[in-house]
Amino acid sequence: MREQQPVPSATRVFWYERVTYRTMEADEIADVSRHMALDAAEAIRLIRLDVRALAAELPPMERHRALSWVDGGGCVGAIGALHRGEPCGFSLSHRDAWIEWTVRPQLSVPVYGAEDAAPTTGA
């Protein structure tokens, strides 16, 4: 007889991605970084840290836009979108480059190894 294995439950995780393009036309990728966060606030915190680190180097209008998103309603709306299961993002120009941040909610299901899925026999 086969024992019942517990059904794995799905967990929501958040995939964070930062893509830096060499030019404002976003035609050639210069750098990509990806991370996983276990909650929406942590994923948005990663974007806020990046944007705040760049803010001093931005032209005045772009700095104002960036800090308004970081300190204002932009990041709050982004967390709300993630909790609704929707992706969110932010982008800005930095020097001659274009930077895009995106966060996408995903469901993660634990996968058992072959030894975990093997049927057990009773004596």
PDB file of N, CA and C in Angstrom:
ATOM      1  N   MET A   1       0.838  -1.169   0.000  1.00  0.00           N
ATOM      2  CA  MET A   1       0.000   0.000   0.000  1.00  0.00           C
ATOM      3  C   MET A   1       0.888   1.240   0.000  1.00  0.00           C
ATOM      4  N   ARG A   2       0.450   2.219  -0.659  1.00  0.00           N
ATOM      5  CA  ARG A   2       1.218   3.446  -0.817  1.00  0.00           C
ATOM      6  C   ARG A   2       0.751   4.499   0.195  1.00  0.00           C
ATOM      7  N   GLU A   3       1.715   5.103   0.884  1.00  0.00           N
ATOM      8  CA  GLU A   3       1.358   6.152   1.837  1.00  0.00           C
ATOM      9  C   GLU A   3       1.056   7.442   1.087  1.00  0.00           C
ATOM     10  N   GLN A   4       0.133   8.201   1.630  1.00  0.00           N
ATOM     11  CA  GLN A   4      -0.197   9.504   1.047  1.00  0.00           C
ATOM     12  C   GLN A   4       0.927  10.489   1.345  1.00  0.00           C
ATOM     13  N   GLN A   5       1.433  11.122   0.315  1.00  0.00           N
ATOM     14  CA  GLN A   5       2.431  12.186   0.479  1.00  0.00           C
ATOM     15  C   GLN A   5       1.691  13.506   0.640  1.00  0.00           C
ATOM     16  N   PRO A   6       2.196  14.391   1.495  1.00  0.00           N
ATOM     17  CA  PRO A   6       1.539  15.694   1.608  1.00  0.00           C
ATOM     18  C   PRO A   6       1.647  16.450   0.281  1.00  0.00           C
ATOM     19  N   VAL A   7       0.600  17.167  -0.044  1.00  0.00           N
ATOM     20  CA  VAL A   7       0.584  17.949  -1.276  1.00  0.00           C
ATOM     21  C   VAL A   7       1.373  19.225  -1.025  1.00  0.00           C
ATOM     22  N   PRO A   8       2.396  19.496  -1.846  1.00  0.00           N
ATOM     23  CA  PRO A   8       3.169  20.717  -1.622  1.00  0.00           C
ATOM     24  C   PRO A   8       2.306  21.948  -1.889  1.00  0.00           C
ATOM     25  N   SER A   9       2.482  22.952  -1.076  1.00  0.00           N
ATOM     26  CA  SER A   9       1.713  24.179  -1.291  1.00  0.00           C
ATOM     27  C   SER A   9       2.563  25.179  -2.070  1.00  0.00           C
ATOM     28  N   ALA A  10       1.898  25.961  -2.878  1.00  0.00           N
ATOM     29  CA  ALA A  10       2.581  26.976  -3.669  1.00  0.00           C
ATOM     30  C   ALA A  10       2.830  28.197  -2.799  1.00  0.00           C
ATOM     31  N   THR A  11       3.966  28.816  -3.005  1.00  0.00           N
ATOM     32  CA  THR A  11       4.343  30.024  -2.294  1.00  0.00           C
ATOM     33  C   THR A  11       4.613  31.103  -3.322  1.00  0.00           C
ATOM     34  N   ARG A  12       4.227  32.313  -3.014  1.00  0.00           N
ATOM     35  CA  ARG A  12       4.503  33.416  -3.932  1.00  0.00           C
ATOM     36  C   ARG A  12       5.905  33.957  -3.648  1.00  0.00           C
ATOM     37  N   VAL A  13       6.687  34.099  -4.700  1.00  0.00           N
ATOM     38  CA  VAL A  13       7.998  34.732  -4.636  1.00  0.00           C
ATOM     39  C   VAL A  13       8.010  35.871  -5.644  1.00  0.00           C
ATOM     40  N   PHE A  14       9.008  36.730  -5.559  1.00  0.00           N
ATOM     41  CA  PHE A  14       9.062  37.919  -6.401  1.00  0.00           C
ATOM     42  C   PHE A  14      10.414  37.982  -7.082  1.00  0.00           C
ATOM     43  N   TRP A  15      10.404  37.932  -8.420  1.00  0.00           N
ATOM     44  CA  TRP A  15      11.628  37.993  -9.211  1.00  0.00           C
ATOM     45  C   TRP A  15      11.913  39.444  -9.567  1.00  0.00           C
ATOM     46  N   TYR A  16      13.049  39.916  -9.109  1.00  0.00           N
ATOM     47  CA  TYR A  16      13.506  41.280  -9.323  1.00  0.00           C
ATOM     48  C   TYR A  16      14.548  41.256 -10.439  1.00  0.00           C
ATOM     49  N   GLU A  17      14.449  42.200 -11.358  1.00  0.00           N
ATOM     50  CA  GLU A  17      15.425  42.271 -12.449  1.00  0.00           C
ATOM     51  C   GLU A  17      15.781  43.735 -12.707  1.00  0.00           C
ATOM     52  N   ARG A  18      17.060  43.977 -12.841  1.00  0.00           N
ATOM     53  CA  ARG A  18      17.548  45.296 -13.226  1.00  0.00           C
ATOM     54  C   ARG A  18      18.320  45.125 -14.530  1.00  0.00           C
ATOM     55  N   VAL A  19      17.872  45.853 -15.561  1.00  0.00           N
ATOM     56  CA  VAL A  19      18.540  45.798 -16.864  1.00  0.00           C
ATOM     57  C   VAL A  19      19.059  47.193 -17.171  1.00  0.00           C
ATOM     58  N   THR A  20      20.340  47.279 -17.454  1.00  0.00           N
ATOM     59  CA  THR A  20      20.956  48.543 -17.849  1.00  0.00           C
ATOM     60  C   THR A  20      21.302  48.445 -19.328  1.00  0.00           C
ATOM     61  N   TYR A  21      20.769  49.381 -20.093  1.00  0.00           N
ATOM     62  CA  TYR A  21      21.047  49.452 -21.522  1.00  0.00           C
ATOM     63  C   TYR A  21      22.130  50.498 -21.752  1.00  0.00           C
ATOM     64  N   ARG A  22      22.965  50.276 -22.764  1.00  0.00           N
ATOM     65  CA  ARG A  22      24.078  51.190 -23.047  1.00  0.00           C
ATOM     66  C   ARG A  22      23.619  52.578 -23.489  1.00  0.00           C
ATOM     67  N   THR A  23      22.461  52.632 -24.152  1.00  0.00           N
ATOM     68  CA  THR A  23      21.980  53.910 -24.676  1.00  0.00           C
ATOM     69  C   THR A  23      20.530  54.129 -24.270  1.00  0.00           C
ATOM     70  N   MET A  24      20.071  55.349 -24.488  1.00  0.00           N
ATOM     71  CA  MET A  24      18.677  55.688 -24.201  1.00  0.00           C
ATOM     72  C   MET A  24      17.704  54.931 -25.108  1.00  0.00           C
ATOM     73  N   GLU A  25      18.173  54.444 -26.245  1.00  0.00           N
ATOM     74  CA  GLU A  25      17.312  53.710 -27.166  1.00  0.00           C
ATOM     75  C   GLU A  25      17.062  52.275 -26.702  1.00  0.00           C
ATOM     76  N   ALA A  26      17.733  51.868 -25.638  1.00  0.00           N
ATOM     77  CA  ALA A  26      17.556  50.524 -25.063  1.00  0.00           C
ATOM     78  C   ALA A  26      17.758  49.432 -26.107  1.00  0.00           C
ATOM     79  N   ASP A  27      18.778  49.607 -26.931  1.00  0.00           N
ATOM     80  CA  ASP A  27      19.004  48.634 -27.998  1.00  0.00           C
ATOM     81  C   ASP A  27      20.110  47.629 -27.678  1.00  0.00           C
ATOM     82  N   GLU A  28      20.949  47.905 -26.688  1.00  0.00           N
ATOM     83  CA  GLU A  28      22.033  46.984 -26.356  1.00  0.00           C
ATOM     84  C   GLU A  28      22.160  46.899 -24.839  1.00  0.00           C
ATOM     85  N   ILE A  29      22.062  45.697 -24.314  1.00  0.00           N
ATOM     86  CA  ILE A  29      22.130  45.490 -22.872  1.00  0.00           C
ATOM     87  C   ILE A  29      23.579  45.552 -22.411  1.00  0.00           C
ATOM     88  N   ALA A  30      23.814  46.364 -21.372  1.00  0.00           N
ATOM     89  CA  ALA A  30      25.145  46.476 -20.786  1.00  0.00           C
ATOM     90  C   ALA A  30      25.291  45.585 -19.557  1.00  0.00           C
ATOM     91  N   ASP A  31      24.190  45.428 -18.805  1.00  0.00           N
ATOM     92  CA  ASP A  31      24.270  44.674 -17.557  1.00  0.00           C
ATOM     93  C   ASP A  31      22.877  44.195 -17.158  1.00  0.00           C
ATOM     94  N   VAL A  32      22.831  43.009 -16.562  1.00  0.00           N
ATOM     95  CA  VAL A  32      21.576  42.461 -16.040  1.00  0.00           C
ATOM     96  C   VAL A  32      21.873  41.868 -14.671  1.00  0.00           C
ATOM     97  N   SER A  33      21.004  42.164 -13.706  1.00  0.00           N
ATOM     98  CA  SER A  33      21.092  41.480 -12.421  1.00  0.00           C
ATOM     99  C   SER A  33      19.693  41.005 -12.045  1.00  0.00           C
ATOM    100  N   ARG A  34      19.649  39.824 -11.431  1.00  0.00           N
ATOM    101  CA  ARG A  34      18.369  39.214 -11.046  1.00  0.00           C
ATOM    102  C   ARG A  34      18.479  38.690  -9.626  1.00  0.00           C
ATOM    103  N   HIS A  35      17.385  38.845  -8.892  1.00  0.00           N
ATOM    104  CA  HIS A  35      17.324  38.357  -7.525  1.00  0.00           C
ATOM    105  C   HIS A  35      15.918  37.853  -7.256  1.00  0.00           C
ATOM    106  N   MET A  36      15.794  37.035  -6.244  1.00  0.00           N
ATOM    107  CA  MET A  36      14.485  36.580  -5.807  1.00  0.00           C
ATOM    108  C   MET A  36      14.250  37.123  -4.400  1.00  0.00           C
ATOM    109  N   ALA A  37      13.060  37.625  -4.162  1.00  0.00           N
ATOM    110  CA  ALA A  37      12.667  38.088  -2.830  1.00  0.00           C
ATOM    111  C   ALA A  37      11.467  37.269  -2.378  1.00  0.00           C
ATOM    112  N   LEU A  38      11.358  37.103  -1.077  1.00  0.00           N
ATOM    113  CA  LEU A  38      10.261  36.305  -0.544  1.00  0.00           C
ATOM    114  C   LEU A  38       9.013  37.118  -0.252  1.00  0.00           C
ATOM    115  N   ASP A  39       9.132  38.444  -0.273  1.00  0.00           N
ATOM    116  CA  ASP A  39       7.933  39.267  -0.114  1.00  0.00           C
ATOM    117  C   ASP A  39       8.039  40.521  -0.976  1.00  0.00           C
ATOM    118  N   ALA A  40       6.887  41.111  -1.243  1.00  0.00           N
ATOM    119  CA  ALA A  40       6.810  42.260  -2.150  1.00  0.00           C
ATOM    120  C   ALA A  40       7.614  43.439  -1.642  1.00  0.00           C
ATOM    121  N   ALA A  41       7.548  43.710  -0.353  1.00  0.00           N
ATOM    122  CA  ALA A  41       8.266  44.865   0.205  1.00  0.00           C
ATOM    123  C   ALA A  41       9.772  44.723   0.022  1.00  0.00           C
ATOM    124  N   GLU A  42      10.294  43.522   0.159  1.00  0.00           N
ATOM    125  CA  GLU A  42      11.734  43.315  -0.023  1.00  0.00           C
ATOM    126  C   GLU A  42      12.135  43.554  -1.474  1.00  0.00           C
ATOM    127  N   ALA A  43      11.326  43.098  -2.406  1.00  0.00           N
ATOM    128  CA  ALA A  43      11.628  43.314  -3.823  1.00  0.00           C
ATOM    129  C   ALA A  43      11.654  44.806  -4.156  1.00  0.00           C
ATOM    130  N   ILE A  44      10.694  45.561  -3.644  1.00  0.00           N
ATOM    131  CA  ILE A  44      10.653  46.996  -3.903  1.00  0.00           C
ATOM    132  C   ILE A  44      11.794  47.704  -3.178  1.00  0.00           C
ATOM    133  N   ARG A  45      12.170  47.202  -2.024  1.00  0.00           N
ATOM    134  CA  ARG A  45      13.313  47.785  -1.289  1.00  0.00           C
ATOM    135  C   ARG A  45      14.584  47.723  -2.134  1.00  0.00           C
ATOM    136  N   LEU A  46      14.770  46.646  -2.890  1.00  0.00           N
ATOM    137  CA  LEU A  46      15.939  46.534  -3.762  1.00  0.00           C
ATOM    138  C   LEU A  46      15.956  47.650  -4.808  1.00  0.00           C
ATOM    139  N   ILE A  47      14.802  47.933  -5.399  1.00  0.00           N
ATOM    140  CA  ILE A  47      14.711  49.019  -6.379  1.00  0.00           C
ATOM    141  C   ILE A  47      14.985  50.352  -5.694  1.00  0.00           C
ATOM    142  N   ARG A  48      14.366  50.581  -4.551  1.00  0.00           N
ATOM    143  CA  ARG A  48      14.558  51.846  -3.832  1.00  0.00           C
ATOM    144  C   ARG A  48      16.023  52.088  -3.510  1.00  0.00           C
ATOM    145  N   LEU A  49      16.733  51.053  -3.078  1.00  0.00           N
ATOM    146  CA  LEU A  49      18.161  51.199  -2.766  1.00  0.00           C
ATOM    147  C   LEU A  49      18.962  51.591  -4.007  1.00  0.00           C
ATOM    148  N   ASP A  50      18.693  50.913  -5.120  1.00  0.00           N
ATOM    149  CA  ASP A  50      19.387  51.224  -6.378  1.00  0.00           C
ATOM    150  C   ASP A  50      19.119  52.659  -6.826  1.00  0.00           C
ATOM    151  N   VAL A  51      17.851  53.040  -6.846  1.00  0.00           N
ATOM    152  CA  VAL A  51      17.471  54.364  -7.329  1.00  0.00           C
ATOM    153  C   VAL A  51      18.053  55.443  -6.424  1.00  0.00           C
ATOM    154  N   ARG A  52      17.965  55.252  -5.124  1.00  0.00           N
ATOM    155  CA  ARG A  52      18.506  56.239  -4.197  1.00  0.00           C
ATOM    156  C   ARG A  52      20.027  56.385  -4.377  1.00  0.00           C
ATOM    157  N   ALA A  53      20.727  55.293  -4.638  1.00  0.00           N
ATOM    158  CA  ALA A  53      22.176  55.350  -4.845  1.00  0.00           C
ATOM    159  C   ALA A  53      22.538  56.153  -6.098  1.00  0.00           C
ATOM    160  N   LEU A  54      21.669  56.133  -7.107  1.00  0.00           N
ATOM    161  CA  LEU A  54      21.923  56.866  -8.345  1.00  0.00           C
ATOM    162  C   LEU A  54      21.440  58.317  -8.300  1.00  0.00           C
ATOM    163  N   ALA A  55      20.567  58.650  -7.377  1.00  0.00           N
ATOM    164  CA  ALA A  55      19.862  59.936  -7.387  1.00  0.00           C
ATOM    165  C   ALA A  55      20.799  61.145  -7.429  1.00  0.00           C
ATOM    166  N   ALA A  56      21.870  61.126  -6.683  1.00  0.00           N
ATOM    167  CA  ALA A  56      22.771  62.285  -6.633  1.00  0.00           C
ATOM    168  C   ALA A  56      23.419  62.569  -7.985  1.00  0.00           C
ATOM    169  N   GLU A  57      23.544  61.568  -8.829  1.00  0.00           N
ATOM    170  CA  GLU A  57      24.191  61.722 -10.134  1.00  0.00           C
ATOM    171  C   GLU A  57      23.223  62.110 -11.245  1.00  0.00           C
ATOM    172  N   LEU A  58      21.937  62.151 -10.937  1.00  0.00           N
ATOM    173  CA  LEU A  58      20.929  62.417 -11.962  1.00  0.00           C
ATOM    174  C   LEU A  58      20.728  63.912 -12.186  1.00  0.00           C
ATOM    175  N   PRO A  59      20.339  64.293 -13.410  1.00  0.00           N
ATOM    176  CA  PRO A  59      19.952  65.689 -13.651  1.00  0.00           C
ATOM    177  C   PRO A  59      18.746  66.038 -12.765  1.00  0.00           C
ATOM    178  N   PRO A  60      18.535  67.328 -12.470  1.00  0.00           N
ATOM    179  CA  PRO A  60      17.490  67.723 -11.518  1.00  0.00           C
ATOM    180  C   PRO A  60      16.099  67.142 -11.799  1.00  0.00           C
ATOM    181  N   MET A  61      15.630  67.187 -13.023  1.00  0.00           N
ATOM    182  CA  MET A  61      14.278  66.677 -13.322  1.00  0.00           C
ATOM    183  C   MET A  61      14.196  65.160 -13.109  1.00  0.00           C
ATOM    184  N   GLU A  62      15.213  64.446 -13.555  1.00  0.00           N
ATOM    185  CA  GLU A  62      15.215  62.988 -13.392  1.00  0.00           C
ATOM    186  C   GLU A  62      15.382  62.630 -11.913  1.00  0.00           C
ATOM    187  N   ARG A  63      16.183  63.388 -11.177  1.00  0.00           N
ATOM    188  CA  ARG A  63      16.348  63.163  -9.734  1.00  0.00           C
ATOM    189  C   ARG A  63      15.006  63.348  -9.019  1.00  0.00           C
ATOM    190  N   HIS A  64      14.295  64.413  -9.374  1.00  0.00           N
ATOM    191  CA  HIS A  64      12.995  64.663  -8.758  1.00  0.00           C
ATOM    192  C   HIS A  64      12.029  63.510  -9.045  1.00  0.00           C
ATOM    193  N   ARG A  65      11.994  63.049 -10.277  1.00  0.00           N
ATOM    194  CA  ARG A  65      11.117  61.934 -10.652  1.00  0.00           C
ATOM    195  C   ARG A  65      11.495  60.670  -9.891  1.00  0.00           C
ATOM    196  N   ALA A  66      12.800  60.404  -9.808  1.00  0.00           N
ATOM    197  CA  ALA A  66      13.280  59.200  -9.119  1.00  0.00           C
ATOM    198  C   ALA A  66      12.940  59.246  -7.632  1.00  0.00           C
ATOM    199  N   LEU A  67      13.234  60.361  -6.983  1.00  0.00           N
ATOM    200  CA  LEU A  67      12.982  60.456  -5.548  1.00  0.00           C
ATOM    201  C   LEU A  67      11.486  60.510  -5.236  1.00  0.00           C
ATOM    202  N   SER A  68      10.701  61.044  -6.152  1.00  0.00           N
ATOM    203  CA  SER A  68       9.244  61.028  -5.965  1.00  0.00           C
ATOM    204  C   SER A  68       8.724  59.596  -5.968  1.00  0.00           C
ATOM    205  N   TRP A  69       9.288  58.768  -6.827  1.00  0.00           N
ATOM    206  CA  TRP A  69       8.874  57.363  -6.862  1.00  0.00           C
ATOM    207  C   TRP A  69       9.338  56.654  -5.592  1.00  0.00           C
ATOM    208  N   VAL A  70      10.609  56.884  -5.217  1.00  0.00           N
ATOM    209  CA  VAL A  70      11.189  56.202  -4.058  1.00  0.00           C
ATOM    210  C   VAL A  70      10.492  56.602  -2.760  1.00  0.00           C
ATOM    211  N   ASP A  71      10.294  57.912  -2.565  1.00  0.00           N
ATOM    212  CA  ASP A  71       9.757  58.407  -1.298  1.00  0.00           C
ATOM    213  C   ASP A  71       8.260  58.673  -1.340  1.00  0.00           C
ATOM    214  N   GLY A  72       7.683  58.639  -2.505  1.00  0.00           N
ATOM    215  CA  GLY A  72       6.266  58.968  -2.640  1.00  0.00           C
ATOM    216  C   GLY A  72       5.427  57.744  -2.908  1.00  0.00           C
ATOM    217  N   GLY A  73       4.374  57.956  -3.661  1.00  0.00           N
ATOM    218  CA  GLY A  73       3.398  56.905  -3.897  1.00  0.00           C
ATOM    219  C   GLY A  73       3.797  55.837  -4.881  1.00  0.00           C
ATOM    220  N   GLY A  74       4.858  56.058  -5.651  1.00  0.00           N
ATOM    221  CA  GLY A  74       5.236  55.076  -6.669  1.00  0.00           C
ATOM    222  C   GLY A  74       5.548  53.716  -6.105  1.00  0.00           C
ATOM    223  N   CYS A  75       6.368  53.687  -5.072  1.00  0.00           N
ATOM    224  CA  CYS A  75       6.740  52.390  -4.512  1.00  0.00           C
ATOM    225  C   CYS A  75       5.575  51.758  -3.752  1.00  0.00           C
ATOM    226  N   VAL A  76       4.699  52.575  -3.168  1.00  0.00           N
ATOM    227  CA  VAL A  76       3.525  52.043  -2.480  1.00  0.00           C
ATOM    228  C   VAL A  76       2.585  51.387  -3.495  1.00  0.00           C
ATOM    229  N   GLY A  77       2.380  52.066  -4.626  1.00  0.00           N
ATOM    230  CA  GLY A  77       1.551  51.488  -5.685  1.00  0.00           C
ATOM    231  C   GLY A  77       2.153  50.213  -6.240  1.00  0.00           C
ATOM    232  N   ALA A  78       3.482  50.160  -6.324  1.00  0.00           N
ATOM    233  CA  ALA A  78       4.167  48.967  -6.829  1.00  0.00           C
ATOM    234  C   ALA A  78       3.947  47.783  -5.894  1.00  0.00           C
ATOM    235  N   ILE A  79       4.050  48.015  -4.599  1.00  0.00           N
ATOM    236  CA  ILE A  79       3.806  46.930  -3.631  1.00  0.00           C
ATOM    237  C   ILE A  79       2.363  46.449  -3.750  1.00  0.00           C
ATOM    238  N   GLY A  80       1.432  47.385  -3.910  1.00  0.00           N
ATOM    239  CA  GLY A  80       0.031  47.012  -4.093  1.00  0.00           C
ATOM    240  C   GLY A  80      -0.173  46.150  -5.324  1.00  0.00           C
ATOM    241  N   ALA A  81       0.476  46.531  -6.427  1.00  0.00           N
ATOM    242  CA  ALA A  81       0.369  45.745  -7.659  1.00  0.00           C
ATOM    243  C   ALA A  81       0.885  44.329  -7.442  1.00  0.00           C
ATOM    244  N   LEU A  82       2.015  44.194  -6.768  1.00  0.00           N
ATOM    245  CA  LEU A  82       2.585  42.870  -6.513  1.00  0.00           C
ATOM    246  C   LEU A  82       1.655  42.022  -5.655  1.00  0.00           C
ATOM    247  N   HIS A  83       1.029  42.619  -4.662  1.00  0.00           N
ATOM    248  CA  HIS A  83       0.085  41.876  -3.826  1.00  0.00           C
ATOM    249  C   HIS A  83      -1.144  41.439  -4.617  1.00  0.00           C
ATOM    250  N   ARG A  84      -1.483  42.169  -5.672  1.00  0.00           N
ATOM    251  CA  ARG A  84      -2.596  41.771  -6.546  1.00  0.00           C
ATOM    252  C   ARG A  84      -2.154  40.737  -7.581  1.00  0.00           C
ATOM    253  N   GLY A  85      -0.867  40.393  -7.586  1.00  0.00           N
ATOM    254  CA  GLY A  85      -0.359  39.427  -8.552  1.00  0.00           C
ATOM    255  C   GLY A  85       0.067  40.044  -9.867  1.00  0.00           C
ATOM    256  N   GLU A  86       0.204  41.380  -9.913  1.00  0.00           N
ATOM    257  CA  GLU A  86       0.582  42.088 -11.135  1.00  0.00           C
ATOM    258  C   GLU A  86       2.064  42.473 -11.084  1.00  0.00           C
ATOM    259  N   PRO A  87       2.739  42.483 -12.226  1.00  0.00           N
ATOM    260  CA  PRO A  87       4.126  42.951 -12.249  1.00  0.00           C
ATOM    261  C   PRO A  87       4.170  44.470 -12.101  1.00  0.00           C
ATOM    262  N   CYS A  88       5.332  44.978 -11.744  1.00  0.00           N
ATOM    263  CA  CYS A  88       5.507  46.425 -11.649  1.00  0.00           C
ATOM    264  C   CYS A  88       6.935  46.760 -12.053  1.00  0.00           C
ATOM    265  N   GLY A  89       7.207  48.037 -12.231  1.00  0.00           N
ATOM    266  CA  GLY A  89       8.552  48.433 -12.590  1.00  0.00           C
ATOM    267  C   GLY A  89       8.754  49.924 -12.527  1.00  0.00           C
ATOM    268  N   PHE A  90       9.991  50.313 -12.781  1.00  0.00           N
ATOM    269  CA  PHE A  90      10.391  51.705 -12.802  1.00  0.00           C
ATOM    270  C   PHE A  90      11.578  51.805 -13.747  1.00  0.00           C
ATOM    271  N   SER A  91      11.702  52.941 -14.410  1.00  0.00           N
ATOM    272  CA  SER A  91      12.849  53.132 -15.313  1.00  0.00           C
ATOM    273  C   SER A  91      13.298  54.580 -15.249  1.00  0.00           C
ATOM    274  N   LEU A  92      14.559  54.799 -15.568  1.00  0.00           N
ATOM    275  CA  LEU A  92      15.085  56.160 -15.622  1.00  0.00           C
ATOM    276  C   LEU A  92      16.332  56.207 -16.486  1.00  0.00           C
ATOM    277  N   SER A  93      16.659  57.419 -16.882  1.00  0.00           N
ATOM    278  CA  SER A  93      17.892  57.616 -17.645  1.00  0.00           C
ATOM    279  C   SER A  93      18.989  58.001 -16.672  1.00  0.00           C
ATOM    280  N   HIS A  94      20.168  57.465 -16.912  1.00  0.00           N
ATOM    281  CA  HIS A  94      21.332  57.741 -16.071  1.00  0.00           C
ATOM    282  C   HIS A  94      22.525  57.920 -16.997  1.00  0.00           C
ATOM    283  N   ARG A  95      23.031  59.151 -17.019  1.00  0.00           N
ATOM    284  CA  ARG A  95      24.058  59.539 -17.976  1.00  0.00           C
ATOM    285  C   ARG A  95      23.502  59.281 -19.372  1.00  0.00           C
ATOM    286  N   ASP A  96      24.137  58.472 -20.173  1.00  0.00           N
ATOM    287  CA  ASP A  96      23.594  58.177 -21.509  1.00  0.00           C
ATOM    288  C   ASP A  96      22.897  56.824 -21.552  1.00  0.00           C
ATOM    289  N   ALA A  97      22.744  56.177 -20.398  1.00  0.00           N
ATOM    290  CA  ALA A  97      22.162  54.837 -20.331  1.00  0.00           C
ATOM    291  C   ALA A  97      20.702  54.897 -19.914  1.00  0.00           C
ATOM    292  N   TRP A  98      20.016  53.771 -20.093  1.00  0.00           N
ATOM    293  CA  TRP A  98      18.626  53.601 -19.681  1.00  0.00           C
ATOM    294  C   TRP A  98      18.585  52.404 -18.745  1.00  0.00           C
ATOM    295  N   ILE A  99      17.972  52.573 -17.578  1.00  0.00           N
ATOM    296  CA  ILE A  99      17.895  51.499 -16.586  1.00  0.00           C
ATOM    297  C   ILE A  99      16.432  51.171 -16.329  1.00  0.00           C
ATOM    298  N   GLU A 100      16.130  49.884 -16.349  1.00  0.00           N
ATOM    299  CA  GLU A 100      14.772  49.414 -16.063  1.00  0.00           C
ATOM    300  C   GLU A 100      14.816  48.408 -14.923  1.00  0.00           C
ATOM    301  N   TRP A 101      13.922  48.605 -13.969  1.00  0.00           N
ATOM    302  CA  TRP A 101      13.733  47.657 -12.878  1.00  0.00           C
ATOM    303  C   TRP A 101      12.351  47.054 -13.036  1.00  0.00           C
ATOM    304  N   THR A 102      12.257  45.750 -12.911  1.00  0.00           N
ATOM    305  CA  THR A 102      10.954  45.084 -12.943  1.00  0.00           C
ATOM    306  C   THR A 102      10.893  44.059 -11.816  1.00  0.00           C
ATOM    307  N   VAL A 103       9.693  43.863 -11.313  1.00  0.00           N
ATOM    308  CA  VAL A 103       9.444  42.809 -10.324  1.00  0.00           C
ATOM    309  C   VAL A 103       8.208  42.065 -10.796  1.00  0.00           C
ATOM    310  N   ARG A 104       8.321  40.741 -10.802  1.00  0.00           N
ATOM    311  CA  ARG A 104       7.211  39.898 -11.233  1.00  0.00           C
ATOM    312  C   ARG A 104       6.896  38.874 -10.148  1.00  0.00           C
ATOM    313  N   PRO A 105       5.644  38.822  -9.730  1.00  0.00           N
ATOM    314  CA  PRO A 105       5.276  37.777  -8.768  1.00  0.00           C
ATOM    315  C   PRO A 105       5.175  36.432  -9.487  1.00  0.00           C
ATOM    316  N   GLN A 106       5.635  35.400  -8.838  1.00  0.00           N
ATOM    317  CA  GLN A 106       5.590  34.045  -9.385  1.00  0.00           C
ATOM    318  C   GLN A 106       5.171  33.090  -8.290  1.00  0.00           C
ATOM    319  N   LEU A 107       4.556  31.991  -8.677  1.00  0.00           N
ATOM    320  CA  LEU A 107       4.263  30.940  -7.713  1.00  0.00           C
ATOM    321  C   LEU A 107       5.410  29.946  -7.735  1.00  0.00           C
ATOM    322  N   SER A 108       5.844  29.563  -6.567  1.00  0.00           N
ATOM    323  CA  SER A 108       6.927  28.595  -6.431  1.00  0.00           C
ATOM    324  C   SER A 108       6.378  27.374  -5.707  1.00  0.00           C
ATOM    325  N   VAL A 109       6.602  26.203  -6.290  1.00  0.00           N
ATOM    326  CA  VAL A 109       6.138  24.956  -5.698  1.00  0.00           C
ATOM    327  C   VAL A 109       7.360  24.108  -5.389  1.00  0.00           C
ATOM    328  N   PRO A 110       7.488  23.641  -4.143  1.00  0.00           N
ATOM    329  CA  PRO A 110       8.642  22.795  -3.836  1.00  0.00           C
ATOM    330  C   PRO A 110       8.603  21.510  -4.651  1.00  0.00           C
ATOM    331  N   VAL A 111       9.758  21.054  -5.070  1.00  0.00           N
ATOM    332  CA  VAL A 111       9.864  19.829  -5.854  1.00  0.00           C
ATOM    333  C   VAL A 111      10.579  18.800  -4.989  1.00  0.00           C
ATOM    334  N   TYR A 112       9.976  17.655  -4.887  1.00  0.00           N
ATOM    335  CA  TYR A 112      10.568  16.586  -4.109  1.00  0.00           C
ATOM    336  C   TYR A 112      11.517  15.786  -4.975  1.00  0.00           C
ATOM    337  N   GLY A 113      12.577  15.267  -4.367  1.00  0.00           N
ATOM    338  CA  GLY A 113      13.517  14.413  -5.084  1.00  0.00           C
ATOM    339  C   GLY A 113      12.909  13.056  -5.346  1.00  0.00           C
ATOM    340  N   ALA A 114      13.571  12.268  -6.173  1.00  0.00           N
ATOM    341  CA  ALA A 114      13.061  10.944  -6.550  1.00  0.00           C
ATOM    342  C   ALA A 114      12.840  10.057  -5.324  1.00  0.00           C
ATOM    343  N   GLU A 115      13.744  10.164  -4.319  1.00  0.00           N
ATOM    344  CA  GLU A 115      13.584   9.323  -3.129  1.00  0.00           C
ATOM    345  C   GLU A 115      12.353   9.731  -2.323  1.00  0.00           C
ATOM    346  N   ASP A 116      11.964  11.011  -2.397  1.00  0.00           N
ATOM    347  CA  ASP A 116      10.778  11.463  -1.691  1.00  0.00           C
ATOM    348  C   ASP A 116       9.490  10.997  -2.357  1.00  0.00           C
ATOM    349  N   ALA A 117       9.543  10.833  -3.683  1.00  0.00           N
ATOM    350  CA  ALA A 117       8.341  10.468  -4.431  1.00  0.00           C
ATOM    351  C   ALA A 117       8.183   8.959  -4.582  1.00  0.00           C
ATOM    352  N   ALA A 118       9.179   8.207  -4.186  1.00  0.00           N
ATOM    353  CA  ALA A 118       9.121   6.752  -4.363  1.00  0.00           C
ATOM    354  C   ALA A 118       8.050   6.154  -3.452  1.00  0.00           C
ATOM    355  N   PRO A 119       7.299   5.211  -3.966  1.00  0.00           N
ATOM    356  CA  PRO A 119       6.263   4.593  -3.142  1.00  0.00           C
ATOM    357  C   PRO A 119       6.900   3.824  -1.990  1.00  0.00           C
ATOM    358  N   THR A 120       6.197   3.815  -0.870  1.00  0.00           N
ATOM    359  CA  THR A 120       6.675   3.046   0.284  1.00  0.00           C
ATOM    360  C   THR A 120       5.819   1.796   0.413  1.00  0.00           C
ATOM    361  N   THR A 121       6.426   0.752   0.881  1.00  0.00           N
ATOM    362  CA  THR A 121       5.684  -0.496   1.047  1.00  0.00           C
ATOM    363  C   THR A 121       5.621  -0.828   2.524  1.00  0.00           C
ATOM    364  N   GLY A 122       4.522  -1.331   2.936  1.00  0.00           N
ATOM    365  CA  GLY A 122       4.360  -1.729   4.336  1.00  0.00           C
ATOM    366  C   GLY A 122       4.667  -3.202   4.493  1.00  0.00           C
ATOM    367  N   ALA A 123       5.115  -3.581   5.639  1.00  0.00           N
ATOM    368  CA  ALA A 123       5.424  -4.994   5.891  1.00  0.00           C
ATOM    369  C   ALA A 123       4.231  -5.744   6.409  1.00  0.00           C
TER     370      ALA A 123
END
